[in-house]
């Protein structure tokens, strides 16, 4: 990656402590490149989404709009204040399989770099044993560079 390139950095968050640590790396990378764009993506798993949608639709609430408001509020509180001047910051959320949506979004925005934490809020050893984790799946399938940030010891 040269500074002359249109640098688009995608950072993925599940709002865990390690995702916050990964965000610091993404911010640092974006701040070092003129006219960089930093995209922050949150993926809501489809099964969780469907359960809450069916439950809340009975109350006549627009779940997608409410989820977006809740995510935006959390981003405004936890992430937006950490963005340095000169870095374009874009937020997005998707519903579906985490690694698939991350890869789709990276392709959609022509990401130069994907930054994500190795272990997030939904990590479990049993799940990783049978299915692998999100970071491994993204790193092995991405068409751009991937920075995987390990959890703090």
Protein backbone atom coordinates (compact mmCIF):
# COMPACT_ATOMS: atom_id res chain seq x y z
CA UNK A 1 0.00 0.00 0.00
CA UNK A 2 1.50 3.32 -1.01
CA UNK A 3 0.29 6.64 0.43
CA UNK A 4 -0.79 7.70 -3.08
CA UNK A 5 -3.35 4.91 -3.31
CA UNK A 6 -6.95 5.57 -2.38
CA UNK A 7 -6.75 3.78 0.96
CA UNK A 8 -9.97 2.25 2.22
CA UNK A 9 -9.66 0.51 5.56
CA UNK A 10 -12.45 -1.69 6.84
CA UNK A 11 -12.57 -2.33 10.57
CA UNK A 12 -15.08 -4.86 11.88
CA UNK A 13 -16.63 -4.58 15.30
CA UNK A 14 -18.80 -6.66 17.56
CA UNK A 15 -18.28 -4.00 20.25
CA UNK A 16 -16.01 -6.30 22.25
CA UNK A 17 -12.84 -5.14 23.98
CA UNK A 18 -10.69 -6.74 21.31
CA UNK A 19 -12.68 -5.09 18.51
CA UNK A 20 -11.95 -1.77 20.19
CA UNK A 21 -8.25 -2.64 20.23
CA UNK A 22 -8.39 -3.54 16.52
CA UNK A 23 -10.08 -0.19 15.86
CA UNK A 24 -7.05 1.60 17.33
CA UNK A 25 -4.85 -0.14 14.74
CA UNK A 26 -7.26 0.79 11.96
CA UNK A 27 -7.33 4.44 13.07
CA UNK A 28 -3.53 4.53 13.16
CA UNK A 29 -3.30 3.08 9.64
CA UNK A 30 -5.89 5.55 8.32
CA UNK A 31 -4.26 8.55 10.02
CA UNK A 32 -0.95 7.77 8.29
CA UNK A 33 -2.46 7.94 4.80
CA UNK A 34 -3.73 11.12 3.17
CA UNK A 35 -7.41 11.04 2.23
CA UNK A 36 -7.92 7.62 3.80
CA UNK A 37 -11.39 6.29 4.40
CA UNK A 38 -12.10 4.26 7.51
CA UNK A 39 -15.22 2.09 7.39
CA UNK A 40 -16.59 0.51 10.57
CA UNK A 41 -18.82 -2.51 10.02
CA UNK A 42 -21.00 -4.34 12.53
CA UNK A 43 -22.64 -7.60 11.45
CA UNK A 44 -25.71 -8.83 13.29
CA UNK A 45 -26.02 -12.63 13.03
CA UNK A 46 -29.11 -13.69 11.09
CA UNK A 47 -30.50 -16.13 13.71
CA UNK A 48 -30.32 -13.47 16.44
CA UNK A 49 -31.83 -10.92 14.10
CA UNK A 50 -34.71 -13.19 13.07
CA UNK A 51 -35.60 -14.09 16.65
CA UNK A 52 -35.81 -10.47 17.72
CA UNK A 53 -37.58 -9.39 14.54
CA UNK A 54 -40.35 -11.94 14.98
CA UNK A 55 -40.71 -11.05 18.64
CA UNK A 56 -40.65 -7.29 18.18
CA UNK A 57 -42.74 -7.16 14.99
CA UNK A 58 -45.67 -8.11 17.17
CA UNK A 59 -45.15 -4.78 18.95
CA UNK A 60 -45.20 -2.95 15.57
CA UNK A 61 -41.64 -1.59 15.83
CA UNK A 62 -39.29 -1.10 12.86
CA UNK A 63 -36.50 -3.39 14.08
CA UNK A 64 -33.97 -2.50 11.38
CA UNK A 65 -34.37 1.22 12.05
CA UNK A 66 -34.14 0.66 15.81
CA UNK A 67 -31.04 -1.54 15.41
CA UNK A 68 -29.41 1.15 13.25
CA UNK A 69 -30.19 3.83 15.85
CA UNK A 70 -28.76 1.66 18.64
CA UNK A 71 -25.61 0.85 16.65
CA UNK A 72 -25.17 4.51 15.64
CA UNK A 73 -25.48 5.59 19.27
CA UNK A 74 -22.85 3.09 20.35
CA UNK A 75 -20.53 4.11 17.50
CA UNK A 76 -20.99 7.78 18.42
CA UNK A 77 -20.08 7.02 22.02
CA UNK A 78 -17.25 4.49 21.61
CA UNK A 79 -15.67 5.05 18.20
CA UNK A 80 -16.40 8.40 16.57
CA UNK A 81 -14.51 10.48 19.21
CA UNK A 82 -11.32 8.54 18.34
CA UNK A 83 -11.31 9.57 14.66
CA UNK A 84 -8.58 12.09 13.85
CA UNK A 85 -9.22 15.10 11.67
CA UNK A 86 -8.79 14.39 7.99
CA UNK A 87 -9.94 10.77 8.12
CA UNK A 88 -13.25 10.07 6.42
CA UNK A 89 -15.33 7.83 8.70
CA UNK A 90 -18.18 5.67 7.40
CA UNK A 91 -20.32 3.30 9.44
CA UNK A 92 -22.40 0.37 8.24
CA UNK A 93 -24.19 -2.66 9.57
CA UNK A 94 -25.32 -5.79 7.86
CA UNK A 95 -27.44 -8.76 8.88
CA UNK A 96 -26.24 -12.26 8.10
CA UNK A 97 -23.29 -14.58 8.41
CA UNK A 98 -20.47 -12.49 9.86
CA UNK A 99 -17.52 -13.50 7.68
CA UNK A 100 -19.63 -13.51 4.49
CA UNK A 101 -20.98 -10.02 5.12
CA UNK A 102 -17.51 -8.73 5.99
CA UNK A 103 -16.09 -10.10 2.72
CA UNK A 104 -19.06 -8.80 0.70
CA UNK A 105 -18.75 -5.33 2.20
CA UNK A 106 -14.97 -5.28 1.69
CA UNK A 107 -15.50 -6.09 -1.98
CA UNK A 108 -18.30 -3.53 -2.29
CA UNK A 109 -16.12 -0.67 -0.99
CA UNK A 110 -12.89 -1.95 -2.63
CA UNK A 111 -11.16 -2.22 0.74
CA UNK A 112 -7.39 -2.02 0.77
CA UNK A 113 -7.13 -3.46 4.27
CA UNK A 114 -9.45 -5.31 6.65
CA UNK A 115 -8.73 -4.98 10.37
CA UNK A 116 -10.47 -7.19 12.91
CA UNK A 117 -9.92 -8.76 16.28
CA UNK A 118 -9.13 -12.46 16.49
CA UNK A 119 -11.50 -13.05 19.36
CA UNK A 120 -14.77 -11.25 19.84
CA UNK A 121 -17.82 -11.29 22.05
CA UNK A 122 -19.21 -14.52 20.58
CA UNK A 123 -16.02 -16.56 20.75
CA UNK A 124 -16.13 -20.06 22.18
CA UNK A 125 -13.56 -22.84 21.90
CA UNK A 126 -16.17 -25.41 20.87
CA UNK A 127 -17.57 -23.15 18.14
CA UNK A 128 -14.05 -22.40 16.83
CA UNK A 129 -13.13 -26.09 16.84
CA UNK A 130 -16.06 -27.08 14.63
CA UNK A 131 -16.56 -23.99 12.50
CA UNK A 132 -13.36 -21.92 12.69
CA UNK A 133 -13.55 -18.30 13.72
CA UNK A 134 -14.45 -15.18 11.79
CA UNK A 135 -10.90 -13.83 11.58
CA UNK A 136 -9.57 -17.08 10.12
CA UNK A 137 -12.35 -17.25 7.54
CA UNK A 138 -11.93 -13.62 6.51
CA UNK A 139 -8.12 -13.88 6.32
CA UNK A 140 -8.23 -17.02 4.19
CA UNK A 141 -10.82 -15.65 1.73
CA UNK A 142 -10.13 -11.90 1.47
CA UNK A 143 -8.83 -10.38 -1.73
CA UNK A 144 -7.00 -7.61 0.17
CA UNK A 145 -4.60 -7.45 3.10
CA UNK A 146 -5.99 -8.48 6.49
CA UNK A 147 -4.67 -7.43 9.88
CA UNK A 148 -5.83 -9.73 12.67
CA UNK A 149 -5.34 -8.24 16.12
CA UNK A 150 -4.91 -10.78 18.93
CA UNK A 151 -6.64 -10.31 22.27
CA UNK A 152 -4.71 -8.69 25.10
CA UNK A 153 -2.97 -11.14 27.40
